Amino acid sequence: MSQSPLIAVVEDDESLRESVVGLVRSLGYRASAWESADAFLAAGEAAACDCIITDIQMPGATGIDLKLALTEAGCAVPVIMVTARTEAALHERARASGAVCLLKKPFAAEALIECLESALAA
């Protein structure tokens, strides 16, 4: 029997991180929670993940930095980025980094579910 997909949630806002982890688990997926991109990268578990949901703006490495580091390491796990920022240049950098989906906070659970299902199907 294969395990359900593992989704890493990298978000510095604890309440949002816990909410997203709860949503992911309610969909039948496994979830791991990380308070920063630096902690996630240091753990070296990216290759075990089936998808990563990350905030863009965090202390230390950003979500874009995270995606670029994964790409540089040859890790092709799909990355969904979320942000409260509205600058078009930031959104373009996120897309250019290879994010499979970009959501603006606050986002509807349905929007995240759609992005997640799309990322896992790819």
PDB file of N, CA and C in Angstrom:
ATOM      1  N   MET A   1       0.843  -1.182   0.000  1.00  0.00           N
ATOM      2  CA  MET A   1       0.000   0.000   0.000  1.00  0.00           C
ATOM      3  C   MET A   1       0.888   1.245   0.000  1.00  0.00           C
ATOM      4  N   SER A   2       0.654   2.154  -0.916  1.00  0.00           N
ATOM      5  CA  SER A   2       1.473   3.362  -0.978  1.00  0.00           C
ATOM      6  C   SER A   2       0.932   4.412  -0.004  1.00  0.00           C
ATOM      7  N   GLN A   3       1.847   5.239   0.460  1.00  0.00           N
ATOM      8  CA  GLN A   3       1.452   6.293   1.382  1.00  0.00           C
ATOM      9  C   GLN A   3       0.822   7.438   0.608  1.00  0.00           C
ATOM     10  N   SER A   4      -0.012   8.195   1.295  1.00  0.00           N
ATOM     11  CA  SER A   4      -0.599   9.375   0.668  1.00  0.00           C
ATOM     12  C   SER A   4       0.501  10.414   0.456  1.00  0.00           C
ATOM     13  N   PRO A   5       0.301  11.333  -0.492  1.00  0.00           N
ATOM     14  CA  PRO A   5       1.311  12.352  -0.764  1.00  0.00           C
ATOM     15  C   PRO A   5       1.672  13.159   0.489  1.00  0.00           C
ATOM     16  N   LEU A   6       2.948  13.555   0.545  1.00  0.00           N
ATOM     17  CA  LEU A   6       3.450  14.383   1.643  1.00  0.00           C
ATOM     18  C   LEU A   6       3.553  15.825   1.167  1.00  0.00           C
ATOM     19  N   ILE A   7       2.874  16.714   1.870  1.00  0.00           N
ATOM     20  CA  ILE A   7       2.849  18.133   1.539  1.00  0.00           C
ATOM     21  C   ILE A   7       3.580  18.891   2.644  1.00  0.00           C
ATOM     22  N   ALA A   8       4.612  19.641   2.270  1.00  0.00           N
ATOM     23  CA  ALA A   8       5.324  20.481   3.234  1.00  0.00           C
ATOM     24  C   ALA A   8       4.710  21.875   3.216  1.00  0.00           C
ATOM     25  N   VAL A   9       4.432  22.404   4.394  1.00  0.00           N
ATOM     26  CA  VAL A   9       3.880  23.752   4.527  1.00  0.00           C
ATOM     27  C   VAL A   9       4.942  24.612   5.207  1.00  0.00           C
ATOM     28  N   VAL A  10       5.451  25.593   4.450  1.00  0.00           N
ATOM     29  CA  VAL A  10       6.519  26.468   4.938  1.00  0.00           C
ATOM     30  C   VAL A  10       5.920  27.867   5.070  1.00  0.00           C
ATOM     31  N   GLU A  11       5.658  28.266   6.301  1.00  0.00           N
ATOM     32  CA  GLU A  11       4.929  29.516   6.567  1.00  0.00           C
ATOM     33  C   GLU A  11       5.336  30.026   7.938  1.00  0.00           C
ATOM     34  N   ASP A  12       5.751  31.296   8.020  1.00  0.00           N
ATOM     35  CA  ASP A  12       6.187  31.844   9.296  1.00  0.00           C
ATOM     36  C   ASP A  12       5.039  32.238  10.213  1.00  0.00           C
ATOM     37  N   ASP A  13       3.843  32.428   9.667  1.00  0.00           N
ATOM     38  CA  ASP A  13       2.671  32.760  10.482  1.00  0.00           C
ATOM     39  C   ASP A  13       2.092  31.455  11.032  1.00  0.00           C
ATOM     40  N   GLU A  14       2.247  31.255  12.343  1.00  0.00           N
ATOM     41  CA  GLU A  14       1.862  29.983  12.960  1.00  0.00           C
ATOM     42  C   GLU A  14       0.400  29.626  12.744  1.00  0.00           C
ATOM     43  N   SER A  15      -0.506  30.590  12.885  1.00  0.00           N
ATOM     44  CA  SER A  15      -1.932  30.263  12.742  1.00  0.00           C
ATOM     45  C   SER A  15      -2.261  29.857  11.308  1.00  0.00           C
ATOM     46  N   LEU A  16      -1.679  30.542  10.327  1.00  0.00           N
ATOM     47  CA  LEU A  16      -1.931  30.163   8.933  1.00  0.00           C
ATOM     48  C   LEU A  16      -1.289  28.813   8.629  1.00  0.00           C
ATOM     49  N   ARG A  17      -0.077  28.599   9.145  1.00  0.00           N
ATOM     50  CA  ARG A  17       0.607  27.317   8.936  1.00  0.00           C
ATOM     51  C   ARG A  17      -0.248  26.170   9.475  1.00  0.00           C
ATOM     52  N   GLU A  18      -0.772  26.331  10.681  1.00  0.00           N
ATOM     53  CA  GLU A  18      -1.602  25.286  11.284  1.00  0.00           C
ATOM     54  C   GLU A  18      -2.905  25.086  10.507  1.00  0.00           C
ATOM     55  N   SER A  19      -3.487  26.175  10.015  1.00  0.00           N
ATOM     56  CA  SER A  19      -4.719  26.074   9.227  1.00  0.00           C
ATOM     57  C   SER A  19      -4.483  25.308   7.926  1.00  0.00           C
ATOM     58  N   VAL A  20      -3.384  25.630   7.235  1.00  0.00           N
ATOM     59  CA  VAL A  20      -3.095  24.961   5.971  1.00  0.00           C
ATOM     60  C   VAL A  20      -2.778  23.482   6.215  1.00  0.00           C
ATOM     61  N   VAL A  21      -2.002  23.192   7.262  1.00  0.00           N
ATOM     62  CA  VAL A  21      -1.715  21.792   7.600  1.00  0.00           C
ATOM     63  C   VAL A  21      -3.017  21.044   7.881  1.00  0.00           C
ATOM     64  N   GLY A  22      -3.930  21.654   8.623  1.00  0.00           N
ATOM     65  CA  GLY A  22      -5.218  21.016   8.915  1.00  0.00           C
ATOM     66  C   GLY A  22      -6.020  20.749   7.655  1.00  0.00           C
ATOM     67  N   LEU A  23      -6.024  21.715   6.739  1.00  0.00           N
ATOM     68  CA  LEU A  23      -6.736  21.543   5.474  1.00  0.00           C
ATOM     69  C   LEU A  23      -6.124  20.403   4.660  1.00  0.00           C
ATOM     70  N   VAL A  24      -4.802  20.399   4.562  1.00  0.00           N
ATOM     71  CA  VAL A  24      -4.099  19.360   3.806  1.00  0.00           C
ATOM     72  C   VAL A  24      -4.419  17.975   4.375  1.00  0.00           C
ATOM     73  N   ARG A  25      -4.372  17.866   5.689  1.00  0.00           N
ATOM     74  CA  ARG A  25      -4.657  16.571   6.334  1.00  0.00           C
ATOM     75  C   ARG A  25      -6.117  16.173   6.148  1.00  0.00           C
ATOM     76  N   SER A  26      -7.030  17.148   6.139  1.00  0.00           N
ATOM     77  CA  SER A  26      -8.449  16.835   5.955  1.00  0.00           C
ATOM     78  C   SER A  26      -8.715  16.275   4.553  1.00  0.00           C
ATOM     79  N   LEU A  27      -7.810  16.542   3.621  1.00  0.00           N
ATOM     80  CA  LEU A  27      -7.935  16.031   2.253  1.00  0.00           C
ATOM     81  C   LEU A  27      -7.334  14.632   2.112  1.00  0.00           C
ATOM     82  N   GLY A  28      -6.775  14.117   3.218  1.00  0.00           N
ATOM     83  CA  GLY A  28      -6.209  12.772   3.200  1.00  0.00           C
ATOM     84  C   GLY A  28      -4.723  12.719   2.900  1.00  0.00           C
ATOM     85  N   TYR A  29      -4.076  13.884   2.830  1.00  0.00           N
ATOM     86  CA  TYR A  29      -2.636  13.928   2.585  1.00  0.00           C
ATOM     87  C   TYR A  29      -1.874  13.999   3.902  1.00  0.00           C
ATOM     88  N   ARG A  30      -0.619  13.588   3.861  1.00  0.00           N
ATOM     89  CA  ARG A  30       0.263  13.794   5.002  1.00  0.00           C
ATOM     90  C   ARG A  30       0.828  15.208   4.909  1.00  0.00           C
ATOM     91  N   ALA A  31       1.171  15.798   6.043  1.00  0.00           N
ATOM     92  CA  ALA A  31       1.691  17.170   6.034  1.00  0.00           C
ATOM     93  C   ALA A  31       2.812  17.321   7.046  1.00  0.00           C
ATOM     94  N   SER A  32       3.790  18.137   6.666  1.00  0.00           N
ATOM     95  CA  SER A  32       4.831  18.536   7.610  1.00  0.00           C
ATOM     96  C   SER A  32       4.814  20.056   7.652  1.00  0.00           C
ATOM     97  N   ALA A  33       5.137  20.627   8.799  1.00  0.00           N
ATOM     98  CA  ALA A  33       5.063  22.075   8.988  1.00  0.00           C
ATOM     99  C   ALA A  33       6.442  22.639   9.312  1.00  0.00           C
ATOM    100  N   TRP A  34       6.754  23.762   8.690  1.00  0.00           N
ATOM    101  CA  TRP A  34       8.058  24.419   8.857  1.00  0.00           C
ATOM    102  C   TRP A  34       7.838  25.907   9.038  1.00  0.00           C
ATOM    103  N   GLU A  35       8.559  26.515   9.975  1.00  0.00           N
ATOM    104  CA  GLU A  35       8.389  27.937  10.258  1.00  0.00           C
ATOM    105  C   GLU A  35       9.238  28.823   9.363  1.00  0.00           C
ATOM    106  N   SER A  36      10.156  28.218   8.600  1.00  0.00           N
ATOM    107  CA  SER A  36      10.988  29.018   7.700  1.00  0.00           C
ATOM    108  C   SER A  36      11.537  28.162   6.572  1.00  0.00           C
ATOM    109  N   ALA A  37      11.882  28.840   5.474  1.00  0.00           N
ATOM    110  CA  ALA A  37      12.511  28.148   4.349  1.00  0.00           C
ATOM    111  C   ALA A  37      13.873  27.610   4.778  1.00  0.00           C
ATOM    112  N   ASP A  38      14.576  28.372   5.600  1.00  0.00           N
ATOM    113  CA  ASP A  38      15.895  27.942   6.072  1.00  0.00           C
ATOM    114  C   ASP A  38      15.801  26.628   6.850  1.00  0.00           C
ATOM    115  N   ALA A  39      14.821  26.518   7.752  1.00  0.00           N
ATOM    116  CA  ALA A  39      14.654  25.292   8.536  1.00  0.00           C
ATOM    117  C   ALA A  39      14.278  24.120   7.635  1.00  0.00           C
ATOM    118  N   PHE A  40      13.412  24.371   6.666  1.00  0.00           N
ATOM    119  CA  PHE A  40      12.999  23.319   5.741  1.00  0.00           C
ATOM    120  C   PHE A  40      14.192  22.826   4.927  1.00  0.00           C
ATOM    121  N   LEU A  41      14.951  23.751   4.369  1.00  0.00           N
ATOM    122  CA  LEU A  41      16.116  23.369   3.566  1.00  0.00           C
ATOM    123  C   LEU A  41      17.162  22.640   4.404  1.00  0.00           C
ATOM    124  N   ALA A  42      17.372  23.100   5.631  1.00  0.00           N
ATOM    125  CA  ALA A  42      18.359  22.474   6.513  1.00  0.00           C
ATOM    126  C   ALA A  42      17.979  21.039   6.857  1.00  0.00           C
ATOM    127  N   ALA A  43      16.687  20.751   6.905  1.00  0.00           N
ATOM    128  CA  ALA A  43      16.232  19.407   7.252  1.00  0.00           C
ATOM    129  C   ALA A  43      16.526  18.411   6.129  1.00  0.00           C
ATOM    130  N   GLY A  44      16.687  18.898   4.908  1.00  0.00           N
ATOM    131  CA  GLY A  44      17.015  18.037   3.788  1.00  0.00           C
ATOM    132  C   GLY A  44      15.925  17.055   3.399  1.00  0.00           C
ATOM    133  N   GLU A  45      14.681  17.423   3.619  1.00  0.00           N
ATOM    134  CA  GLU A  45      13.568  16.505   3.344  1.00  0.00           C
ATOM    135  C   GLU A  45      12.793  16.853   2.078  1.00  0.00           C
ATOM    136  N   ALA A  46      13.278  17.796   1.298  1.00  0.00           N
ATOM    137  CA  ALA A  46      12.530  18.241   0.123  1.00  0.00           C
ATOM    138  C   ALA A  46      12.256  17.101  -0.855  1.00  0.00           C
ATOM    139  N   ALA A  47      13.226  16.230  -1.055  1.00  0.00           N
ATOM    140  CA  ALA A  47      13.063  15.145  -2.024  1.00  0.00           C
ATOM    141  C   ALA A  47      11.965  14.162  -1.615  1.00  0.00           C
ATOM    142  N   ALA A  48      11.632  14.114  -0.324  1.00  0.00           N
ATOM    143  CA  ALA A  48      10.585  13.210   0.159  1.00  0.00           C
ATOM    144  C   ALA A  48       9.186  13.804  -0.018  1.00  0.00           C
ATOM    145  N   CYS A  49       9.123  15.092  -0.363  1.00  0.00           N
ATOM    146  CA  CYS A  49       7.834  15.778  -0.480  1.00  0.00           C
ATOM    147  C   CYS A  49       7.263  15.615  -1.877  1.00  0.00           C
ATOM    148  N   ASP A  50       5.933  15.619  -1.942  1.00  0.00           N
ATOM    149  CA  ASP A  50       5.238  15.570  -3.222  1.00  0.00           C
ATOM    150  C   ASP A  50       4.815  16.960  -3.678  1.00  0.00           C
ATOM    151  N   CYS A  51       4.763  17.900  -2.736  1.00  0.00           N
ATOM    152  CA  CYS A  51       4.428  19.290  -3.048  1.00  0.00           C
ATOM    153  C   CYS A  51       4.834  20.142  -1.842  1.00  0.00           C
ATOM    154  N   ILE A  52       5.180  21.397  -2.120  1.00  0.00           N
ATOM    155  CA  ILE A  52       5.527  22.350  -1.064  1.00  0.00           C
ATOM    156  C   ILE A  52       4.625  23.564  -1.215  1.00  0.00           C
ATOM    157  N   ILE A  53       4.026  23.982  -0.116  1.00  0.00           N
ATOM    158  CA  ILE A  53       3.238  25.211  -0.076  1.00  0.00           C
ATOM    159  C   ILE A  53       4.047  26.180   0.779  1.00  0.00           C
ATOM    160  N   THR A  54       4.458  27.309   0.189  1.00  0.00           N
ATOM    161  CA  THR A  54       5.314  28.233   0.924  1.00  0.00           C
ATOM    162  C   THR A  54       4.856  29.676   0.802  1.00  0.00           C
ATOM    163  N   ASP A  55       5.027  30.403   1.893  1.00  0.00           N
ATOM    164  CA  ASP A  55       4.851  31.844   1.868  1.00  0.00           C
ATOM    165  C   ASP A  55       6.029  32.409   1.076  1.00  0.00           C
ATOM    166  N   ILE A  56       5.837  33.552   0.453  1.00  0.00           N
ATOM    167  CA  ILE A  56       6.964  34.185  -0.234  1.00  0.00           C
ATOM    168  C   ILE A  56       7.783  34.984   0.764  1.00  0.00           C
ATOM    169  N   GLN A  57       7.132  35.843   1.541  1.00  0.00           N
ATOM    170  CA  GLN A  57       7.839  36.758   2.429  1.00  0.00           C
ATOM    171  C   GLN A  57       7.969  36.163   3.825  1.00  0.00           C
ATOM    172  N   MET A  58       9.209  35.776   4.172  1.00  0.00           N
ATOM    173  CA  MET A  58       9.497  35.224   5.500  1.00  0.00           C
ATOM    174  C   MET A  58      10.860  35.735   5.942  1.00  0.00           C
ATOM    175  N   PRO A  59      11.125  35.727   7.242  1.00  0.00           N
ATOM    176  CA  PRO A  59      12.471  36.075   7.701  1.00  0.00           C
ATOM    177  C   PRO A  59      13.480  35.081   7.127  1.00  0.00           C
ATOM    178  N   GLY A  60      14.651  35.562   6.765  1.00  0.00           N
ATOM    179  CA  GLY A  60      15.653  34.681   6.160  1.00  0.00           C
ATOM    180  C   GLY A  60      15.316  34.450   4.710  1.00  0.00           C
ATOM    181  N   ALA A  61      15.486  33.215   4.259  1.00  0.00           N
ATOM    182  CA  ALA A  61      15.207  32.880   2.865  1.00  0.00           C
ATOM    183  C   ALA A  61      13.724  33.044   2.562  1.00  0.00           C
ATOM    184  N   THR A  62      13.424  33.581   1.394  1.00  0.00           N
ATOM    185  CA  THR A  62      12.033  33.755   0.969  1.00  0.00           C
ATOM    186  C   THR A  62      11.545  32.480   0.291  1.00  0.00           C
ATOM    187  N   GLY A  63      10.263  32.438  -0.009  1.00  0.00           N
ATOM    188  CA  GLY A  63       9.722  31.308  -0.755  1.00  0.00           C
ATOM    189  C   GLY A  63      10.344  31.195  -2.136  1.00  0.00           C
ATOM    190  N   ILE A  64      10.660  32.344  -2.738  1.00  0.00           N
ATOM    191  CA  ILE A  64      11.325  32.338  -4.049  1.00  0.00           C
ATOM    192  C   ILE A  64      12.732  31.769  -3.897  1.00  0.00           C
ATOM    193  N   ASP A  65      13.443  32.178  -2.842  1.00  0.00           N
ATOM    194  CA  ASP A  65      14.778  31.615  -2.572  1.00  0.00           C
ATOM    195  C   ASP A  65      14.692  30.099  -2.406  1.00  0.00           C
ATOM    196  N   LEU A  66      13.664  29.653  -1.712  1.00  0.00           N
ATOM    197  CA  LEU A  66      13.456  28.218  -1.488  1.00  0.00           C
ATOM    198  C   LEU A  66      13.308  27.492  -2.821  1.00  0.00           C
ATOM    199  N   LYS A  67      12.450  27.996  -3.687  1.00  0.00           N
ATOM    200  CA  LYS A  67      12.223  27.350  -4.984  1.00  0.00           C
ATOM    201  C   LYS A  67      13.504  27.339  -5.813  1.00  0.00           C
ATOM    202  N   LEU A  68      14.237  28.434  -5.824  1.00  0.00           N
ATOM    203  CA  LEU A  68      15.480  28.503  -6.593  1.00  0.00           C
ATOM    204  C   LEU A  68      16.526  27.532  -6.045  1.00  0.00           C
ATOM    205  N   ALA A  69      16.603  27.398  -4.724  1.00  0.00           N
ATOM    206  CA  ALA A  69      17.547  26.448  -4.112  1.00  0.00           C
ATOM    207  C   ALA A  69      17.182  25.013  -4.492  1.00  0.00           C
ATOM    208  N   LEU A  70      15.894  24.704  -4.501  1.00  0.00           N
ATOM    209  CA  LEU A  70      15.450  23.361  -4.878  1.00  0.00           C
ATOM    210  C   LEU A  70      15.798  23.071  -6.333  1.00  0.00           C
ATOM    211  N   THR A  71      15.535  24.041  -7.205  1.00  0.00           N
ATOM    212  CA  THR A  71      15.839  23.870  -8.627  1.00  0.00           C
ATOM    213  C   THR A  71      17.334  23.656  -8.823  1.00  0.00           C
ATOM    214  N   GLU A  72      18.142  24.450  -8.127  1.00  0.00           N
ATOM    215  CA  GLU A  72      19.596  24.331  -8.228  1.00  0.00           C
ATOM    216  C   GLU A  72      20.082  22.959  -7.764  1.00  0.00           C
ATOM    217  N   ALA A  73      19.390  22.396  -6.785  1.00  0.00           N
ATOM    218  CA  ALA A  73      19.752  21.070  -6.256  1.00  0.00           C
ATOM    219  C   ALA A  73      19.180  19.934  -7.103  1.00  0.00           C
ATOM    220  N   GLY A  74      18.436  20.284  -8.159  1.00  0.00           N
ATOM    221  CA  GLY A  74      17.863  19.261  -9.028  1.00  0.00           C
ATOM    222  C   GLY A  74      16.574  18.656  -8.501  1.00  0.00           C
ATOM    223  N   CYS A  75      15.956  19.318  -7.538  1.00  0.00           N
ATOM    224  CA  CYS A  75      14.704  18.835  -6.937  1.00  0.00           C
ATOM    225  C   CYS A  75      13.535  19.503  -7.662  1.00  0.00           C
ATOM    226  N   ALA A  76      12.728  18.695  -8.343  1.00  0.00           N
ATOM    227  CA  ALA A  76      11.637  19.227  -9.162  1.00  0.00           C
ATOM    228  C   ALA A  76      10.275  19.181  -8.477  1.00  0.00           C
ATOM    229  N   VAL A  77      10.244  19.076  -7.156  1.00  0.00           N
ATOM    230  CA  VAL A  77       8.959  19.031  -6.446  1.00  0.00           C
ATOM    231  C   VAL A  77       8.175  20.305  -6.748  1.00  0.00           C
ATOM    232  N   PRO A  78       6.860  20.180  -7.039  1.00  0.00           N
ATOM    233  CA  PRO A  78       6.074  21.380  -7.337  1.00  0.00           C
ATOM    234  C   PRO A  78       5.924  22.277  -6.103  1.00  0.00           C
ATOM    235  N   VAL A  79       5.974  23.581  -6.345  1.00  0.00           N
ATOM    236  CA  VAL A  79       5.889  24.564  -5.263  1.00  0.00           C
ATOM    237  C   VAL A  79       4.723  25.508  -5.524  1.00  0.00           C
ATOM    238  N   ILE A  80       3.863  25.627  -4.515  1.00  0.00           N
ATOM    239  CA  ILE A  80       2.761  26.585  -4.522  1.00  0.00           C
ATOM    240  C   ILE A  80       3.190  27.735  -3.616  1.00  0.00           C
ATOM    241  N   MET A  81       3.106  28.969  -4.117  1.00  0.00           N
ATOM    242  CA  MET A  81       3.498  30.131  -3.310  1.00  0.00           C
ATOM    243  C   MET A  81       2.279  30.954  -2.936  1.00  0.00           C
ATOM    244  N   VAL A  82       2.323  31.509  -1.726  1.00  0.00           N
ATOM    245  CA  VAL A  82       1.268  32.396  -1.243  1.00  0.00           C
ATOM    246  C   VAL A  82       1.912  33.686  -0.749  1.00  0.00           C
ATOM    247  N   THR A  83       1.188  34.783  -0.905  1.00  0.00           N
ATOM    248  CA  THR A  83       1.712  36.067  -0.445  1.00  0.00           C
ATOM    249  C   THR A  83       0.586  37.049  -0.174  1.00  0.00           C
ATOM    250  N   ALA A  84       0.839  37.956   0.735  1.00  0.00           N
ATOM    251  CA  ALA A  84      -0.084  39.057   0.986  1.00  0.00           C
ATOM    252  C   ALA A  84       0.341  40.282   0.178  1.00  0.00           C
ATOM    253  N   ARG A  85       1.545  40.239  -0.376  1.00  0.00           N
ATOM    254  CA  ARG A  85       2.084  41.376  -1.128  1.00  0.00           C
ATOM    255  C   ARG A  85       1.418  41.467  -2.495  1.00  0.00           C
ATOM    256  N   THR A  86       1.299  42.675  -2.995  1.00  0.00           N
ATOM    257  CA  THR A  86       0.567  42.889  -4.243  1.00  0.00           C
ATOM    258  C   THR A  86       1.436  43.367  -5.398  1.00  0.00           C
ATOM    259  N   GLU A  87       2.729  43.582  -5.182  1.00  0.00           N
ATOM    260  CA  GLU A  87       3.576  44.117  -6.240  1.00  0.00           C
ATOM    261  C   GLU A  87       3.660  43.148  -7.419  1.00  0.00           C
ATOM    262  N   ALA A  88       3.375  43.671  -8.610  1.00  0.00           N
ATOM    263  CA  ALA A  88       3.405  42.864  -9.829  1.00  0.00           C
ATOM    264  C   ALA A  88       4.792  42.256 -10.052  1.00  0.00           C
ATOM    265  N   ALA A  89       5.851  42.994  -9.742  1.00  0.00           N
ATOM    266  CA  ALA A  89       7.216  42.491  -9.951  1.00  0.00           C
ATOM    267  C   ALA A  89       7.484  41.269  -9.072  1.00  0.00           C
ATOM    268  N   LEU A  90       6.978  41.277  -7.849  1.00  0.00           N
ATOM    269  CA  LEU A  90       7.158  40.131  -6.956  1.00  0.00           C
ATOM    270  C   LEU A  90       6.403  38.921  -7.495  1.00  0.00           C
ATOM    271  N   HIS A  91       5.193  39.135  -7.953  1.00  0.00           N
ATOM    272  CA  HIS A  91       4.396  38.035  -8.513  1.00  0.00           C
ATOM    273  C   HIS A  91       5.087  37.458  -9.743  1.00  0.00           C
ATOM    274  N   GLU A  92       5.672  38.328 -10.571  1.00  0.00           N
ATOM    275  CA  GLU A  92       6.379  37.868 -11.766  1.00  0.00           C
ATOM    276  C   GLU A  92       7.624  37.060 -11.379  1.00  0.00           C
ATOM    277  N   ARG A  93       8.355  37.506 -10.349  1.00  0.00           N
ATOM    278  CA  ARG A  93       9.527  36.747  -9.878  1.00  0.00           C
ATOM    279  C   ARG A  93       9.118  35.374  -9.373  1.00  0.00           C
ATOM    280  N   ALA A  94       7.976  35.301  -8.690  1.00  0.00           N
ATOM    281  CA  ALA A  94       7.486  34.018  -8.179  1.00  0.00           C
ATOM    282  C   ALA A  94       7.175  33.080  -9.339  1.00  0.00           C
ATOM    283  N   ARG A  95       6.473  33.592 -10.343  1.00  0.00           N
ATOM    284  CA  ARG A  95       6.146  32.763 -11.501  1.00  0.00           C
ATOM    285  C   ARG A  95       7.416  32.350 -12.248  1.00  0.00           C
ATOM    286  N   ALA A  96       8.343  33.289 -12.419  1.00  0.00           N
ATOM    287  CA  ALA A  96       9.589  33.013 -13.144  1.00  0.00           C
ATOM    288  C   ALA A  96      10.449  31.975 -12.423  1.00  0.00           C
ATOM    289  N   SER A  97      10.312  31.885 -11.103  1.00  0.00           N
ATOM    290  CA  SER A  97      11.096  30.911 -10.336  1.00  0.00           C
ATOM    291  C   SER A  97      10.602  29.483 -10.565  1.00  0.00           C
ATOM    292  N   GLY A  98       9.393  29.367 -11.120  1.00  0.00           N
ATOM    293  CA  GLY A  98       8.851  28.042 -11.396  1.00  0.00           C
ATOM    294  C   GLY A  98       7.710  27.621 -10.496  1.00  0.00           C
ATOM    295  N   ALA A  99       7.152  28.552  -9.738  1.00  0.00           N
ATOM    296  CA  ALA A  99       5.991  28.217  -8.902  1.00  0.00           C
ATOM    297  C   ALA A  99       4.866  27.694  -9.788  1.00  0.00           C
ATOM    298  N   VAL A 100       4.228  26.602  -9.363  1.00  0.00           N
ATOM    299  CA  VAL A 100       3.129  26.040 -10.162  1.00  0.00           C
ATOM    300  C   VAL A 100       1.828  26.807  -9.937  1.00  0.00           C
ATOM    301  N   CYS A 101       1.786  27.558  -8.849  1.00  0.00           N
ATOM    302  CA  CYS A 101       0.579  28.313  -8.525  1.00  0.00           C
ATOM    303  C   CYS A 101       0.977  29.439  -7.576  1.00  0.00           C
ATOM    304  N   LEU A 102       0.307  30.580  -7.697  1.00  0.00           N
ATOM    305  CA  LEU A 102       0.545  31.716  -6.816  1.00  0.00           C
ATOM    306  C   LEU A 102      -0.803  32.180  -6.288  1.00  0.00           C
ATOM    307  N   LEU A 103      -0.952  32.160  -4.973  1.00  0.00           N
ATOM    308  CA  LEU A 103      -2.199  32.581  -4.334  1.00  0.00           C
ATOM    309  C   LEU A 103      -1.968  33.840  -3.520  1.00  0.00           C
ATOM    310  N   LYS A 104      -2.917  34.769  -3.585  1.00  0.00           N
ATOM    311  CA  LYS A 104      -2.834  35.985  -2.793  1.00  0.00           C
ATOM    312  C   LYS A 104      -3.638  35.811  -1.510  1.00  0.00           C
ATOM    313  N   LYS A 105      -2.995  36.122  -0.376  1.00  0.00           N
ATOM    314  CA  LYS A 105      -3.669  36.072   0.924  1.00  0.00           C
ATOM    315  C   LYS A 105      -4.638  37.242   1.022  1.00  0.00           C
ATOM    316  N   PRO A 106      -5.783  37.072   1.634  1.00  0.00           N
ATOM    317  CA  PRO A 106      -6.327  35.789   2.080  1.00  0.00           C
ATOM    318  C   PRO A 106      -6.877  35.016   0.884  1.00  0.00           C
ATOM    319  N   PHE A 107      -6.700  33.725   0.895  1.00  0.00           N
ATOM    320  CA  PHE A 107      -7.182  32.901  -0.211  1.00  0.00           C
ATOM    321  C   PHE A 107      -8.233  31.932   0.307  1.00  0.00           C
ATOM    322  N   ALA A 108      -9.133  31.526  -0.586  1.00  0.00           N
ATOM    323  CA  ALA A 108     -10.177  30.572  -0.233  1.00  0.00           C
ATOM    324  C   ALA A 108      -9.584  29.172  -0.186  1.00  0.00           C
ATOM    325  N   ALA A 109     -10.082  28.354   0.709  1.00  0.00           N
ATOM    326  CA  ALA A 109      -9.623  26.968   0.812  1.00  0.00           C
ATOM    327  C   ALA A 109      -9.755  26.268  -0.538  1.00  0.00           C
ATOM    328  N   GLU A 110     -10.840  26.557  -1.255  1.00  0.00           N
ATOM    329  CA  GLU A 110     -11.076  25.927  -2.556  1.00  0.00           C
ATOM    330  C   GLU A 110      -9.967  26.255  -3.547  1.00  0.00           C
ATOM    331  N   ALA A 111      -9.445  27.486  -3.492  1.00  0.00           N
ATOM    332  CA  ALA A 111      -8.366  27.887  -4.401  1.00  0.00           C
ATOM    333  C   ALA A 111      -7.099  27.096  -4.103  1.00  0.00           C
ATOM    334  N   LEU A 112      -6.801  26.912  -2.819  1.00  0.00           N
ATOM    335  CA  LEU A 112      -5.624  26.131  -2.446  1.00  0.00           C
ATOM    336  C   LEU A 112      -5.802  24.663  -2.837  1.00  0.00           C
ATOM    337  N   ILE A 113      -6.986  24.124  -2.628  1.00  0.00           N
ATOM    338  CA  ILE A 113      -7.257  22.728  -2.991  1.00  0.00           C
ATOM    339  C   ILE A 113      -7.067  22.533  -4.501  1.00  0.00           C
ATOM    340  N   GLU A 114      -7.578  23.484  -5.278  1.00  0.00           N
ATOM    341  CA  GLU A 114      -7.438  23.397  -6.748  1.00  0.00           C
ATOM    342  C   GLU A 114      -5.958  23.417  -7.146  1.00  0.00           C
ATOM    343  N   CYS A 115      -5.190  24.326  -6.557  1.00  0.00           N
ATOM    344  CA  CYS A 115      -3.749  24.403  -6.853  1.00  0.00           C
ATOM    345  C   CYS A 115      -3.052  23.102  -6.448  1.00  0.00           C
ATOM    346  N   LEU A 116      -3.380  22.586  -5.284  1.00  0.00           N
ATOM    347  CA  LEU A 116      -2.742  21.374  -4.769  1.00  0.00           C
ATOM    348  C   LEU A 116      -3.054  20.181  -5.659  1.00  0.00           C
ATOM    349  N   GLU A 117      -4.307  20.030  -6.027  1.00  0.00           N
ATOM    350  CA  GLU A 117      -4.687  18.896  -6.892  1.00  0.00           C
ATOM    351  C   GLU A 117      -4.002  19.000  -8.244  1.00  0.00           C
ATOM    352  N   SER A 118      -3.908  20.202  -8.774  1.00  0.00           N
ATOM    353  CA  SER A 118      -3.243  20.427 -10.051  1.00  0.00           C
ATOM    354  C   SER A 118      -1.755  20.105  -9.943  1.00  0.00           C
ATOM    355  N   ALA A 119      -1.111  20.543  -8.862  1.00  0.00           N
ATOM    356  CA  ALA A 119       0.317  20.293  -8.661  1.00  0.00           C
ATOM    357  C   ALA A 119       0.603  18.798  -8.526  1.00  0.00           C
ATOM    358  N   LEU A 120      -0.245  18.095  -7.814  1.00  0.00           N
ATOM    359  CA  LEU A 120      -0.031  16.670  -7.596  1.00  0.00           C
ATOM    360  C   LEU A 120      -0.316  15.851  -8.854  1.00  0.00           C
ATOM    361  N   ALA A 121      -1.182  16.357  -9.723  1.00  0.00           N
ATOM    362  CA  ALA A 121      -1.518  15.646 -10.952  1.00  0.00           C
ATOM    363  C   ALA A 121      -0.435  15.804 -12.020  1.00  0.00           C
ATOM    364  N   ALA A 122       0.362  16.863 -11.892  1.00  0.00           N
ATOM    365  CA  ALA A 122       1.384  17.166 -12.919  1.00  0.00           C
ATOM    366  C   ALA A 122       2.520  16.159 -12.893  1.00  0.00           C
TER     367      ALA A 122
END
